[in-house]
Amino acid sequence: MKIEIKPNCDMYDQRFIIVDDDGKLLDDAQGYGYKSKQKAIKAMWYKFKGGKQKINQKQQERKKFFNQYKGLEKFLDKIYENNYKEISRGEVTNEDILAEIKKEFNVDMPKEYLTWKYD
């Protein structure tokens, strides 16, 4: 798969499409074309290279982890709530939060579970 410039588009407003190795059109953003090459690459990763499955798999792993340790999610919410200003100023770091979780629950939580954007 590769990204190409959409044929017959305005020279000053180039659009991009996703084609296979033979040049056959795979995706063109419903006929409009992607506004940037980066957006087309992101769409290609998400649609054709397993991006959606990877995201769903990570969501399931996170959910399974928090189900294993009851009360951990509430504890994490409480830490964020009580230390909101300190976190934003950089006085409390992710490592500090992970240390508190380790002390309270005796578990090494992956750092990526602290800031999860796919809930």
Protein backbone atom coordinates (compact mmCIF):
# COMPACT_ATOMS: atom_id res chain seq x y z
CA MET A 1 0.00 0.00 0.00
CA LYS A 2 1.07 3.53 -0.64
CA ILE A 3 -0.17 7.09 -0.59
CA GLU A 4 -0.61 9.03 -3.82
CA ILE A 5 -1.90 12.43 -4.82
CA LYS A 6 -5.52 12.28 -5.91
CA PRO A 7 -5.80 12.64 -9.69
CA ASN A 8 -7.61 15.70 -11.09
CA CYS A 9 -7.36 17.69 -7.88
CA ASP A 10 -6.52 21.36 -7.60
CA MET A 11 -2.79 22.07 -7.57
CA TYR A 12 -3.17 24.42 -4.59
CA ASP A 13 -5.44 22.09 -2.62
CA GLN A 14 -3.85 18.68 -3.06
CA ARG A 15 -5.63 15.65 -1.69
CA PHE A 16 -4.25 12.17 -1.05
CA ILE A 17 -5.61 8.66 -1.57
CA ILE A 18 -4.59 5.17 -0.51
CA VAL A 19 -3.80 2.68 -3.28
CA ASP A 20 -2.44 -0.86 -3.30
CA ASP A 21 0.80 -1.91 -5.00
CA ASP A 22 -0.98 -2.37 -8.35
CA GLY A 23 -2.40 1.16 -8.26
CA LYS A 24 -5.95 0.05 -7.41
CA LEU A 25 -7.83 2.56 -5.24
CA LEU A 26 -8.43 1.31 -1.69
CA ASP A 27 -9.64 4.44 0.13
CA ASP A 28 -10.25 8.02 -0.88
CA ALA A 29 -12.09 9.47 2.15
CA GLN A 30 -15.53 9.06 0.55
CA GLY A 31 -14.40 10.65 -2.70
CA TYR A 32 -12.90 13.80 -1.18
CA GLY A 33 -9.36 12.60 -0.56
CA TYR A 34 -7.35 13.16 2.60
CA LYS A 35 -6.22 16.74 3.22
CA SER A 36 -2.69 15.76 4.20
CA LYS A 37 -0.34 12.88 3.64
CA GLN A 38 -0.09 12.35 7.41
CA LYS A 39 -3.88 11.94 7.69
CA ALA A 40 -3.83 9.38 4.87
CA ILE A 41 -1.02 7.45 6.58
CA LYS A 42 -2.95 7.46 9.85
CA ALA A 43 -6.11 6.21 8.11
CA MET A 44 -4.10 3.50 6.33
CA TRP A 45 -2.65 2.31 9.65
CA TYR A 46 -6.04 2.33 11.34
CA LYS A 47 -8.03 0.65 8.56
CA PHE A 48 -5.62 -1.69 6.84
CA LYS A 49 -2.74 -2.47 9.19
CA GLY A 50 -4.61 -3.59 12.29
CA GLY A 51 -4.76 -0.28 14.13
CA LYS A 52 -8.32 -0.76 15.31
CA GLN A 53 -7.58 -4.27 16.59
CA LYS A 54 -4.50 -3.03 18.45
CA ILE A 55 -6.52 -0.31 20.15
CA ASN A 56 -9.26 -2.76 21.13
CA GLN A 57 -6.69 -5.24 22.43
CA LYS A 58 -5.05 -2.56 24.61
CA GLN A 59 -8.45 -1.54 25.96
CA GLN A 60 -9.22 -5.15 26.91
CA GLU A 61 -5.81 -5.59 28.58
CA ARG A 62 -6.32 -2.41 30.62
CA LYS A 63 -9.82 -3.43 31.65
CA LYS A 64 -8.58 -6.89 32.69
CA PHE A 65 -5.74 -5.33 34.73
CA PHE A 66 -8.07 -3.01 36.65
CA ASN A 67 -10.57 -5.83 37.22
CA GLN A 68 -7.76 -7.85 38.79
CA TYR A 69 -7.04 -5.16 41.40
CA LYS A 70 -10.31 -3.94 42.88
CA GLY A 71 -10.16 -0.38 44.15
CA LEU A 72 -7.14 0.58 42.06
CA GLU A 73 -9.10 2.71 39.64
CA LYS A 74 -10.80 4.64 42.47
CA PHE A 75 -7.42 5.06 44.19
CA LEU A 76 -5.96 6.46 40.96
CA ASP A 77 -8.90 8.85 40.54
CA LYS A 78 -8.43 10.03 44.11
CA ILE A 79 -4.71 10.69 43.51
CA TYR A 80 -5.53 12.74 40.42
CA GLU A 81 -8.28 14.62 42.22
CA ASN A 82 -6.21 15.45 45.31
CA ASN A 83 -3.03 16.37 43.44
CA TYR A 84 -4.42 18.13 40.38
CA LYS A 85 -2.45 21.35 40.81
CA GLU A 86 0.77 19.59 41.80
CA ILE A 87 0.56 17.33 38.74
CA SER A 88 0.00 20.28 36.40
CA ARG A 89 2.97 22.14 37.91
CA GLY A 90 5.18 19.08 37.59
CA GLU A 91 5.68 18.67 41.33
CA VAL A 92 4.09 15.20 41.20
CA THR A 93 5.25 12.99 38.32
CA ASN A 94 3.99 9.74 36.85
CA GLU A 95 6.80 7.94 38.65
CA ASP A 96 5.54 9.31 41.98
CA ILE A 97 2.04 8.08 41.22
CA LEU A 98 3.35 4.65 40.21
CA ALA A 99 5.34 4.51 43.46
CA GLU A 100 2.18 5.23 45.47
CA ILE A 101 0.32 2.48 43.60
CA LYS A 102 3.21 0.09 44.23
CA LYS A 103 3.17 0.96 47.94
CA GLU A 104 -0.61 0.66 48.32
CA PHE A 105 -1.39 -2.34 46.07
CA ASN A 106 2.04 -3.98 45.72
CA VAL A 107 1.74 -4.13 41.93
CA ASP A 108 3.84 -2.74 39.08
CA MET A 109 1.28 -0.95 36.93
CA PRO A 110 2.27 -0.15 33.33
CA LYS A 111 2.88 3.56 32.85
CA GLU A 112 0.62 3.68 29.79
CA TYR A 113 -2.41 2.93 31.99
CA LEU A 114 -2.03 6.26 33.78
CA THR A 115 -3.03 8.33 30.77
CA TRP A 116 -5.50 6.32 28.81
CA LYS A 117 -7.24 8.09 25.96
CA TYR A 118 -9.53 5.37 24.61
CA ASP A 119 -12.12 5.04 27.38
